[in-house]
Amino acid sequence: MPAFWAWFVAAGTIAFVIWCVWLISWAGKQGPQNKEDEDLVGHVWDGDLEEWNNPAPKWWLYLYFITIAWAVGYMIVYPGIGAFKGVLGWSQEGQYEEEMQAAEARYGPIYERFAAMEFAERVADPEALELGRSLFANYCTTCHGSDARGGPGYPNLTDNDWLWGNSEDNIVATITHGRNGIMTSWAAVLGSDEGIDNMVRYVRSLSGLEEADEAALTAQPTFTTVCAACHTPAGTGNTALGAPDLTDATSLYGSSPESIRTTIVEGRNGVMPPHGELLGEKRTKILAAYVYSLSNSE
C-alpha cells in the first residue's frame, strides 16, 4: 500500500474511533436531567402504550464503550490502522504459510511414499486411491462432478474415452499444465446452411447415430480436406491435439444435431486450468493414479 493511502486509512480510522467516543458521550448526556423533564414524546402504540423521554440506561452506554475499547485493542494487536502490522505481526499470508508448512510436515512423508511407487502399483493400492479420492473431491468436483461423470463441456472421467491420452505422462501433464481444447468455426468454409446440415449428418453417421444419405455424403470430401487434419480421415481423433474421436458414442458437448451444428458454426474453446503449482508433483502423481482408476478399475 502506498504511504499516502496508508496514512489516509490510519487517520480516518483513528478519527472515526474518536468520533464514536464523542458521540456516545454526548448522547449519554442528553435527555431529562430531573423528573419534571420526563415528558411524553407523543409516540403511542396499541392505543395506550406511550413513550417517555427517558435517557438510555447507563449499562447500555457502557457496552458501547467496551466495544470501542475492544476495537482499539484489536487494532493494536492485529493489522487495522493503515500499514501498521500489529504487535503480533499477524497476516493472512503468514498464517496460510504456517498452516501449509504444518500440513507438509504431517502429510509430506505419506505423499512421498505413494509418489515413489510405480504408476501401476499406485493405481492398485487402496490407500493411494483413497488419498487420490480426497484430492479429487477438493480440486476436481467443481467441473467433473462428485461422481466424476462431468457434463456438457466437461469430460466424463469414468469412461475409457480420453481426449489427450490415458498414460501416466498424459494425465500428469493435463493436471499440471492444463489443456486448451480449441475447435474453430467452420461456417465460412462450409458456406451455406445446406452445407452445414450435410456436415452435421455426415459427422453423426460416423458414430452410427444416423444413416448417411446422398446429401450427407457430399460433405465427405470437405471433411477429408478440412476436418481430417485434427480428427483424421476416418474421424477417429488425435490425442496429441485433444481432437475427439467422432466414431464412438461419446461426445463432450452432446451428439444431437443442434449441438453438433453449434460446434461447427460457432466453434468450441474448452479450458482445463493448470493445477501444478496448487498440487505439487507428489500430489499430482497420486491424483493422476486415481483419475486413471476411475475408468480402469481392473
Protein backbone atom coordinates (compact mmCIF):
# COMPACT_ATOMS: atom_id res chain seq x y z
CA MET A 1 0.00 0.00 0.00
CA PRO A 2 1.44 3.45 -0.92
CA ALA A 3 2.46 5.62 2.04
CA PHE A 4 -0.21 8.24 1.31
CA TRP A 5 -3.07 5.75 1.43
CA ALA A 6 -1.60 4.04 4.50
CA TRP A 7 -1.63 7.35 6.38
CA PHE A 8 -5.05 8.21 4.94
CA VAL A 9 -6.57 4.95 6.22
CA ALA A 10 -4.84 5.27 9.60
CA ALA A 11 -6.01 8.87 10.09
CA GLY A 12 -9.55 8.00 9.03
CA THR A 13 -9.69 5.01 11.37
CA ILE A 14 -8.40 6.95 14.39
CA ALA A 15 -10.69 9.91 13.65
CA PHE A 16 -13.70 7.60 13.41
CA VAL A 17 -12.92 5.94 16.76
CA ILE A 18 -12.58 9.38 18.41
CA TRP A 19 -15.86 10.49 16.82
CA CYS A 20 -17.63 7.37 18.16
CA VAL A 21 -16.39 8.10 21.70
CA TRP A 22 -17.58 11.71 21.45
CA LEU A 23 -20.96 10.75 20.02
CA ILE A 24 -21.71 8.20 22.73
CA SER A 25 -20.53 10.60 25.45
CA TRP A 26 -22.69 13.39 24.03
CA ALA A 27 -25.71 11.09 23.63
CA GLY A 28 -25.33 9.91 27.23
CA LYS A 29 -25.72 13.50 28.50
CA GLN A 30 -28.92 14.17 26.58
CA GLY A 31 -32.44 13.66 27.87
CA PRO A 32 -34.18 14.80 31.07
CA GLN A 33 -31.98 15.92 33.93
CA ASN A 34 -34.70 15.66 36.56
CA LYS A 35 -38.08 14.05 36.99
CA GLU A 36 -40.00 17.17 35.93
CA ASP A 37 -38.43 16.98 32.43
CA GLU A 38 -39.72 13.48 31.83
CA ASP A 39 -42.34 14.46 29.28
CA LEU A 40 -44.14 12.18 26.89
CA VAL A 41 -42.74 12.36 23.36
CA GLY A 42 -46.12 11.73 21.73
CA HIS A 43 -45.43 8.25 20.36
CA VAL A 44 -48.33 5.87 21.07
CA TRP A 45 -48.69 2.16 20.25
CA ASP A 46 -51.73 -0.07 20.61
CA GLY A 47 -53.85 2.84 21.77
CA ASP A 48 -52.38 3.32 25.26
CA LEU A 49 -48.68 2.43 25.15
CA GLU A 50 -46.78 5.76 25.33
CA GLU A 51 -43.08 6.61 25.14
CA TRP A 52 -41.37 8.72 27.80
CA ASN A 53 -38.42 10.98 27.12
CA ASN A 54 -36.00 8.99 29.29
CA PRO A 55 -32.26 8.60 28.72
CA ALA A 56 -30.76 5.26 27.71
CA PRO A 57 -29.66 3.04 30.63
CA LYS A 58 -26.06 3.56 31.71
CA TRP A 59 -25.23 -0.13 31.24
CA TRP A 60 -26.32 0.19 27.61
CA LEU A 61 -23.90 3.07 27.03
CA TYR A 62 -21.12 1.21 28.82
CA LEU A 63 -21.48 -1.64 26.29
CA TYR A 64 -20.65 0.84 23.52
CA PHE A 65 -17.51 1.99 25.35
CA ILE A 66 -16.48 -1.63 25.92
CA THR A 67 -16.95 -2.33 22.21
CA ILE A 68 -14.78 0.67 21.28
CA ALA A 69 -12.08 -0.39 23.75
CA TRP A 70 -12.15 -3.90 22.27
CA ALA A 71 -11.81 -2.45 18.74
CA VAL A 72 -8.85 -0.29 19.76
CA GLY A 73 -7.13 -3.25 21.40
CA TYR A 74 -7.79 -5.38 18.33
CA MET A 75 -6.24 -2.79 16.01
CA ILE A 76 -3.18 -2.59 18.25
CA VAL A 77 -2.68 -6.36 18.26
CA TYR A 78 -3.71 -7.05 14.63
CA PRO A 79 -3.39 -5.05 11.39
CA GLY A 80 -6.11 -2.44 11.04
CA ILE A 81 -4.52 1.01 11.13
CA GLY A 82 -3.00 1.76 7.76
CA ALA A 83 0.32 0.00 7.23
CA PHE A 84 0.71 -0.85 10.93
CA LYS A 85 1.06 -4.66 11.15
CA GLY A 86 0.07 -5.02 14.78
CA VAL A 87 2.22 -6.03 17.71
CA LEU A 88 1.77 -9.73 16.88
CA GLY A 89 2.82 -9.25 13.26
CA TRP A 90 -0.05 -11.46 12.08
CA SER A 91 -1.07 -11.63 8.43
CA GLN A 92 -3.29 -13.84 6.30
CA GLU A 93 -0.33 -14.85 4.17
CA GLY A 94 1.73 -15.73 7.22
CA GLN A 95 -1.00 -17.86 8.73
CA TYR A 96 -1.53 -19.61 5.41
CA GLU A 97 2.17 -20.39 5.11
CA GLU A 98 2.28 -21.74 8.67
CA GLU A 99 -0.69 -24.00 8.01
CA MET A 100 0.83 -25.22 4.74
CA GLN A 101 4.13 -25.98 6.46
CA ALA A 102 2.34 -27.86 9.22
CA ALA A 103 0.35 -29.85 6.65
CA GLU A 104 3.52 -30.62 4.69
CA ALA A 105 5.27 -31.83 7.83
CA ARG A 106 2.34 -34.10 8.63
CA TYR A 107 1.35 -35.40 5.20
CA GLY A 108 4.59 -34.93 3.25
CA PRO A 109 6.02 -38.38 4.15
CA ILE A 110 2.73 -40.01 3.12
CA TYR A 111 2.73 -38.26 -0.27
CA GLU A 112 6.40 -39.15 -0.68
CA ARG A 113 5.75 -42.85 -0.12
CA PHE A 114 2.92 -43.10 -2.62
CA ALA A 115 4.56 -40.84 -5.22
CA ALA A 116 7.66 -43.08 -5.19
CA MET A 117 5.59 -46.08 -6.34
CA GLU A 118 5.34 -47.18 -9.94
CA PHE A 119 2.18 -45.95 -11.64
CA ALA A 120 0.57 -49.39 -11.91
CA GLU A 121 1.39 -50.13 -8.27
CA ARG A 122 -0.14 -46.80 -7.21
CA VAL A 123 -3.30 -47.49 -9.19
CA ALA A 124 -3.71 -50.83 -7.42
CA ASP A 125 -3.04 -49.53 -3.90
CA PRO A 126 -6.30 -48.87 -1.95
CA GLU A 127 -4.66 -46.33 0.38
CA ALA A 128 -3.19 -44.36 -2.52
CA LEU A 129 -6.55 -44.35 -4.29
CA GLU A 130 -8.33 -43.20 -1.14
CA LEU A 131 -5.88 -40.32 -0.84
CA GLY A 132 -6.39 -39.55 -4.52
CA ARG A 133 -10.15 -39.57 -3.96
CA SER A 134 -9.82 -36.87 -1.30
CA LEU A 135 -7.67 -34.76 -3.63
CA PHE A 136 -10.24 -35.19 -6.40
CA ALA A 137 -13.05 -34.14 -4.05
CA ASN A 138 -11.17 -30.96 -3.12
CA TYR A 139 -9.90 -29.86 -6.52
CA CYS A 140 -11.86 -31.53 -9.33
CA THR A 141 -15.52 -31.96 -8.44
CA THR A 142 -16.46 -28.37 -9.34
CA CYS A 143 -16.09 -29.23 -13.04
CA HIS A 144 -16.19 -33.01 -13.24
CA GLY A 145 -18.82 -33.60 -10.56
CA SER A 146 -18.62 -35.63 -7.37
CA ASP A 147 -19.22 -38.79 -9.42
CA ALA A 148 -16.56 -37.75 -11.99
CA ARG A 149 -19.09 -38.09 -14.82
CA GLY A 150 -18.69 -34.47 -15.91
CA GLY A 151 -21.28 -32.69 -18.03
CA PRO A 152 -21.57 -30.75 -21.30
CA GLY A 153 -18.08 -29.37 -21.95
CA TYR A 154 -16.56 -31.29 -19.00
CA PRO A 155 -15.17 -34.77 -19.72
CA ASN A 156 -16.61 -37.87 -18.13
CA LEU A 157 -13.67 -39.46 -16.34
CA THR A 158 -15.39 -42.78 -15.69
CA ASP A 159 -15.48 -43.93 -19.32
CA ASN A 160 -12.46 -45.01 -21.33
CA ASP A 161 -12.59 -42.17 -23.85
CA TRP A 162 -9.54 -39.94 -23.43
CA LEU A 163 -9.11 -36.73 -25.41
CA TRP A 164 -5.44 -36.37 -24.51
CA GLY A 165 -4.47 -39.98 -23.78
CA ASN A 166 -4.51 -42.04 -20.58
CA SER A 167 -0.84 -42.76 -19.91
CA GLU A 168 0.65 -41.50 -16.66
CA ASP A 169 2.58 -38.81 -18.54
CA ASN A 170 -0.56 -37.64 -20.37
CA ILE A 171 -2.68 -37.40 -17.22
CA VAL A 172 0.08 -35.75 -15.18
CA ALA A 173 0.63 -33.23 -17.99
CA THR A 174 -3.10 -32.46 -18.09
CA ILE A 175 -3.29 -31.87 -14.35
CA THR A 176 -0.02 -29.95 -14.18
CA HIS A 177 -0.26 -27.67 -17.20
CA GLY A 178 -3.96 -27.74 -18.04
CA ARG A 179 -5.39 -28.10 -21.54
CA ASN A 180 -6.88 -25.85 -24.20
CA GLY A 181 -9.30 -27.69 -26.50
CA ILE A 182 -9.96 -25.32 -29.39
CA MET A 183 -12.34 -26.06 -32.25
CA THR A 184 -12.52 -23.16 -34.70
CA SER A 185 -15.68 -22.13 -36.54
CA TRP A 186 -16.09 -23.68 -40.00
CA ALA A 187 -19.29 -21.92 -41.03
CA ALA A 188 -17.49 -19.73 -43.56
CA VAL A 189 -15.75 -22.73 -45.13
CA LEU A 190 -18.95 -24.75 -45.47
CA GLY A 191 -20.61 -21.72 -46.95
CA SER A 192 -24.33 -22.33 -46.60
CA ASP A 193 -26.94 -23.78 -44.24
CA GLU A 194 -27.29 -26.72 -46.59
CA GLY A 195 -23.57 -27.40 -46.45
CA ILE A 196 -23.61 -27.19 -42.63
CA ASP A 197 -26.62 -29.52 -42.39
CA ASN A 198 -24.92 -32.06 -44.65
CA MET A 199 -21.77 -31.95 -42.50
CA VAL A 200 -23.83 -32.41 -39.34
CA ARG A 201 -25.48 -35.52 -40.78
CA TYR A 202 -22.16 -36.86 -42.03
CA VAL A 203 -20.49 -36.40 -38.64
CA ARG A 204 -23.40 -38.16 -36.93
CA SER A 205 -23.15 -41.01 -39.42
CA LEU A 206 -19.54 -41.67 -38.36
CA SER A 207 -20.76 -42.94 -34.98
CA GLY A 208 -23.85 -44.65 -36.37
CA LEU A 209 -26.30 -42.13 -34.99
CA GLU A 210 -27.95 -41.86 -38.40
CA GLU A 211 -27.58 -43.24 -41.88
CA ALA A 212 -25.63 -41.04 -44.28
CA ASP A 213 -27.83 -40.27 -47.26
CA GLU A 214 -26.62 -38.98 -50.60
CA ALA A 215 -26.71 -35.36 -49.42
CA ALA A 216 -24.69 -36.16 -46.27
CA LEU A 217 -22.06 -37.98 -48.32
CA THR A 218 -21.43 -34.79 -50.29
CA ALA A 219 -19.77 -33.47 -47.12
CA GLN A 220 -17.19 -36.28 -47.07
CA PRO A 221 -14.67 -34.57 -49.39
CA THR A 222 -14.84 -31.41 -47.26
CA PHE A 223 -14.38 -33.49 -44.11
CA THR A 224 -11.33 -35.18 -45.62
CA THR A 225 -9.88 -31.84 -46.69
CA VAL A 226 -10.72 -29.68 -43.68
CA CYS A 227 -11.54 -31.82 -40.67
CA ALA A 228 -9.13 -34.72 -41.13
CA ALA A 229 -6.17 -32.57 -40.08
CA CYS A 230 -7.35 -32.92 -36.47
CA HIS A 231 -9.86 -35.79 -36.48
CA THR A 232 -8.04 -37.99 -39.09
CA PRO A 233 -9.72 -39.02 -42.36
CA ALA A 234 -11.57 -41.81 -40.57
CA GLY A 235 -12.75 -39.44 -37.81
CA THR A 236 -11.01 -41.40 -35.04
CA GLY A 237 -9.46 -38.30 -33.44
CA ASN A 238 -5.97 -37.41 -32.31
CA THR A 239 -4.90 -37.47 -28.66
CA ALA A 240 -1.85 -35.31 -29.44
CA LEU A 241 -4.23 -32.46 -30.30
CA GLY A 242 -7.08 -33.36 -27.97
CA ALA A 243 -9.28 -33.87 -31.06
CA PRO A 244 -12.21 -36.15 -30.14
CA ASP A 245 -12.96 -39.48 -31.77
CA LEU A 246 -16.11 -38.92 -33.84
CA THR A 247 -16.72 -42.61 -34.43
CA ASP A 248 -17.71 -43.56 -30.89
CA ALA A 249 -20.79 -42.71 -28.85
CA THR A 250 -19.00 -40.29 -26.52
CA SER A 251 -19.50 -36.60 -27.17
CA LEU A 252 -18.17 -33.82 -24.97
CA TYR A 253 -20.79 -31.25 -25.95
CA GLY A 254 -23.61 -33.60 -26.94
CA SER A 255 -24.36 -35.54 -30.11
CA SER A 256 -27.71 -34.04 -31.06
CA PRO A 257 -27.92 -32.33 -34.46
CA GLU A 258 -28.34 -28.97 -32.70
CA SER A 259 -25.24 -29.45 -30.55
CA ILE A 260 -23.05 -30.59 -33.44
CA ARG A 261 -24.30 -27.72 -35.58
CA THR A 262 -23.36 -25.25 -32.80
CA THR A 263 -19.89 -26.78 -32.62
CA ILE A 264 -19.37 -26.44 -36.38
CA VAL A 265 -20.84 -22.94 -36.68
CA GLU A 266 -19.54 -21.30 -33.51
CA GLY A 267 -16.57 -23.48 -32.60
CA ARG A 268 -15.60 -24.56 -29.09
CA ASN A 269 -12.99 -23.39 -26.60
CA GLY A 270 -12.63 -25.79 -23.70
CA VAL A 271 -10.16 -24.90 -20.95
CA MET A 272 -8.75 -27.12 -18.22
CA PRO A 273 -6.86 -24.80 -15.82
CA PRO A 274 -3.39 -25.87 -14.62
CA HIS A 275 -3.13 -27.29 -11.12
CA GLY A 276 0.59 -28.00 -10.95
CA GLU A 277 1.53 -25.13 -8.64
CA LEU A 278 -1.50 -25.79 -6.46
CA LEU A 279 -0.94 -29.53 -6.01
CA GLY A 280 2.78 -30.03 -6.42
CA GLU A 281 4.46 -33.00 -8.09
CA LYS A 282 3.73 -35.66 -5.46
CA ARG A 283 0.02 -34.99 -5.07
CA THR A 284 -0.33 -34.67 -8.84
CA LYS A 285 1.01 -38.21 -9.28
CA ILE A 286 -1.39 -39.55 -6.67
CA LEU A 287 -4.34 -37.74 -8.25
CA ALA A 288 -3.34 -38.98 -11.71
CA ALA A 289 -3.47 -42.57 -10.48
CA TYR A 290 -6.92 -42.05 -9.03
CA VAL A 291 -8.23 -40.42 -12.23
CA TYR A 292 -6.86 -43.33 -14.26
CA SER A 293 -8.51 -45.84 -11.89
CA LEU A 294 -11.95 -44.31 -12.47
CA SER A 295 -12.16 -45.93 -15.89
CA ASN A 296 -9.72 -48.79 -15.33
CA SER A 297 -10.89 -50.39 -12.10
CA GLU A 298 -9.50 -53.78 -13.03
